[in-house]
């Protein structure tokens, strides 16, 4: 019992616990969204998934996936009521690299959406697979 009461050992124990939490954080932040590659994303689109692009309006105008809705992550909460997304249909979230999509997935999950997918690697993955974009 004296082992845990020594200041050095308490500090080492605290460091170990904090390190463990930091390592688990990405797993805990994933939420209920699944991560898909370009092939799975294409299959979802062919099966009429709702595509939400959470990049900025400028990024969206420079090129986006056909039939995607521009809902920038910074204003997603405000735009969601008018976006006409159906909670019972799959949603595919796109951003530039995947980071903003994770935040958007958390928002959608909180709003009651249950079938959420994130394009792993974002639009870069889409372009690497040589899939088309539309501009405007």
Protein backbone atom coordinates (compact mmCIF):
# COMPACT_ATOMS: atom_id res chain seq x y z
CA UNK A 1 0.00 0.00 0.00
CA UNK A 2 2.94 2.35 0.64
CA UNK A 3 3.91 1.96 -3.01
CA UNK A 4 0.95 4.08 -4.18
CA UNK A 5 1.48 6.76 -1.55
CA UNK A 6 4.97 7.76 -2.70
CA UNK A 7 4.84 10.98 -4.77
CA UNK A 8 7.01 9.63 -7.60
CA UNK A 9 4.87 6.54 -7.98
CA UNK A 10 1.67 8.61 -7.89
CA UNK A 11 3.04 10.82 -10.68
CA UNK A 12 3.97 7.78 -12.78
CA UNK A 13 0.52 6.28 -12.21
CA UNK A 14 -1.14 9.55 -13.27
CA UNK A 15 1.00 9.69 -16.43
CA UNK A 16 0.05 6.10 -17.28
CA UNK A 17 -3.66 6.80 -16.84
CA UNK A 18 -3.55 10.01 -18.88
CA UNK A 19 -1.58 8.27 -21.65
CA UNK A 20 -4.14 5.49 -21.77
CA UNK A 21 -7.00 7.95 -22.07
CA UNK A 22 -5.21 9.81 -24.87
CA UNK A 23 -4.67 6.56 -26.77
CA UNK A 24 -8.33 5.61 -26.45
CA UNK A 25 -9.67 9.06 -27.40
CA UNK A 26 -9.84 8.40 -31.19
CA UNK A 27 -11.85 5.23 -30.55
CA UNK A 28 -14.21 7.02 -28.20
CA UNK A 29 -14.75 9.95 -30.60
CA UNK A 30 -15.70 7.76 -33.56
CA UNK A 31 -19.28 7.54 -32.39
CA UNK A 32 -21.61 5.38 -34.40
CA UNK A 33 -20.35 6.49 -37.82
CA UNK A 34 -18.73 3.88 -39.99
CA UNK A 35 -15.70 4.70 -42.09
CA UNK A 36 -15.84 3.73 -45.75
CA UNK A 37 -13.46 3.84 -48.68
CA UNK A 38 -14.17 5.17 -52.17
CA UNK A 39 -15.66 1.88 -53.41
CA UNK A 40 -18.09 1.60 -50.50
CA UNK A 41 -18.96 5.29 -50.84
CA UNK A 42 -19.79 4.75 -54.52
CA UNK A 43 -22.01 1.81 -53.59
CA UNK A 44 -23.80 3.95 -51.01
CA UNK A 45 -24.34 6.71 -53.58
CA UNK A 46 -25.71 4.19 -56.08
CA UNK A 47 -28.13 3.03 -53.39
CA UNK A 48 -29.38 6.63 -52.97
CA UNK A 49 -27.51 7.63 -49.81
CA UNK A 50 -27.74 11.29 -48.87
CA UNK A 51 -24.38 12.97 -49.49
CA UNK A 52 -23.38 15.79 -47.16
CA UNK A 53 -20.28 17.82 -47.99
CA UNK A 54 -19.14 19.66 -44.86
CA UNK A 55 -16.32 21.66 -46.46
CA UNK A 56 -16.54 25.43 -46.86
CA UNK A 57 -18.69 26.92 -49.64
CA UNK A 58 -15.53 27.87 -51.55
CA UNK A 59 -14.13 24.33 -51.37
CA UNK A 60 -17.50 22.96 -52.47
CA UNK A 61 -17.62 25.33 -55.48
CA UNK A 62 -14.17 24.18 -56.59
CA UNK A 63 -15.41 20.60 -56.96
CA UNK A 64 -17.81 18.25 -55.23
CA UNK A 65 -19.49 14.88 -55.64
CA UNK A 66 -22.61 15.03 -57.79
CA UNK A 67 -25.85 15.45 -55.80
CA UNK A 68 -24.05 16.31 -52.57
CA UNK A 69 -25.45 19.00 -50.30
CA UNK A 70 -23.15 21.72 -49.06
CA UNK A 71 -23.55 21.99 -45.29
CA UNK A 72 -20.32 23.51 -43.92
CA UNK A 73 -19.49 21.98 -40.57
CA UNK A 74 -19.18 25.36 -38.83
CA UNK A 75 -22.84 26.10 -39.60
CA UNK A 76 -24.19 22.55 -39.74
CA UNK A 77 -26.45 22.91 -36.69
CA UNK A 78 -28.09 26.02 -38.14
CA UNK A 79 -28.47 24.60 -41.68
CA UNK A 80 -29.69 21.13 -40.71
CA UNK A 81 -33.38 22.03 -40.23
CA UNK A 82 -33.63 23.38 -43.80
CA UNK A 83 -31.43 20.70 -45.42
CA UNK A 84 -34.34 18.24 -45.82
CA UNK A 85 -32.26 15.23 -44.81
CA UNK A 86 -34.17 12.11 -43.82
CA UNK A 87 -33.10 10.50 -40.56
CA UNK A 88 -34.06 7.01 -41.75
CA UNK A 89 -31.86 7.13 -44.88
CA UNK A 90 -28.09 6.55 -44.97
CA UNK A 91 -25.90 9.66 -44.88
CA UNK A 92 -22.42 9.82 -46.41
CA UNK A 93 -20.31 12.68 -45.03
CA UNK A 94 -17.52 14.16 -47.13
CA UNK A 95 -14.83 16.68 -46.23
CA UNK A 96 -11.30 17.35 -47.43
CA UNK A 97 -9.44 14.83 -45.26
CA UNK A 98 -11.89 13.27 -42.78
CA UNK A 99 -11.45 15.49 -39.73
CA UNK A 100 -14.46 17.79 -40.23
CA UNK A 101 -16.57 14.79 -41.21
CA UNK A 102 -16.03 13.27 -37.76
CA UNK A 103 -17.34 16.42 -36.10
CA UNK A 104 -20.31 16.49 -38.48
CA UNK A 105 -21.04 12.81 -37.76
CA UNK A 106 -21.23 13.60 -34.05
CA UNK A 107 -23.72 16.41 -34.75
CA UNK A 108 -25.88 14.21 -36.99
CA UNK A 109 -25.82 11.40 -34.47
CA UNK A 110 -26.92 13.79 -31.75
CA UNK A 111 -29.78 14.94 -34.02
CA UNK A 112 -31.07 11.36 -34.37
CA UNK A 113 -29.44 10.08 -37.57
CA UNK A 114 -28.49 6.44 -37.20
CA UNK A 115 -26.93 5.30 -40.51
CA UNK A 116 -23.91 7.57 -40.89
CA UNK A 117 -20.78 6.92 -42.92
CA UNK A 118 -17.62 9.00 -43.33
CA UNK A 119 -15.47 8.83 -46.45
CA UNK A 120 -12.12 7.86 -44.96
CA UNK A 121 -9.49 10.30 -46.14
CA UNK A 122 -12.16 12.65 -47.46
CA UNK A 123 -12.25 14.03 -50.97
CA UNK A 124 -8.57 13.16 -51.40
CA UNK A 125 -9.54 9.48 -51.29
CA UNK A 126 -12.24 10.14 -53.88
CA UNK A 127 -9.77 11.88 -56.19
CA UNK A 128 -7.10 9.21 -55.66
CA UNK A 129 -9.64 6.66 -56.91
CA UNK A 130 -10.06 8.86 -60.01
CA UNK A 131 -13.75 9.39 -59.37
CA UNK A 132 -15.51 12.43 -60.89
CA UNK A 133 -16.33 15.80 -59.37
CA UNK A 134 -18.64 18.52 -60.58
CA UNK A 135 -17.91 22.22 -60.25
CA UNK A 136 -20.16 25.09 -59.45
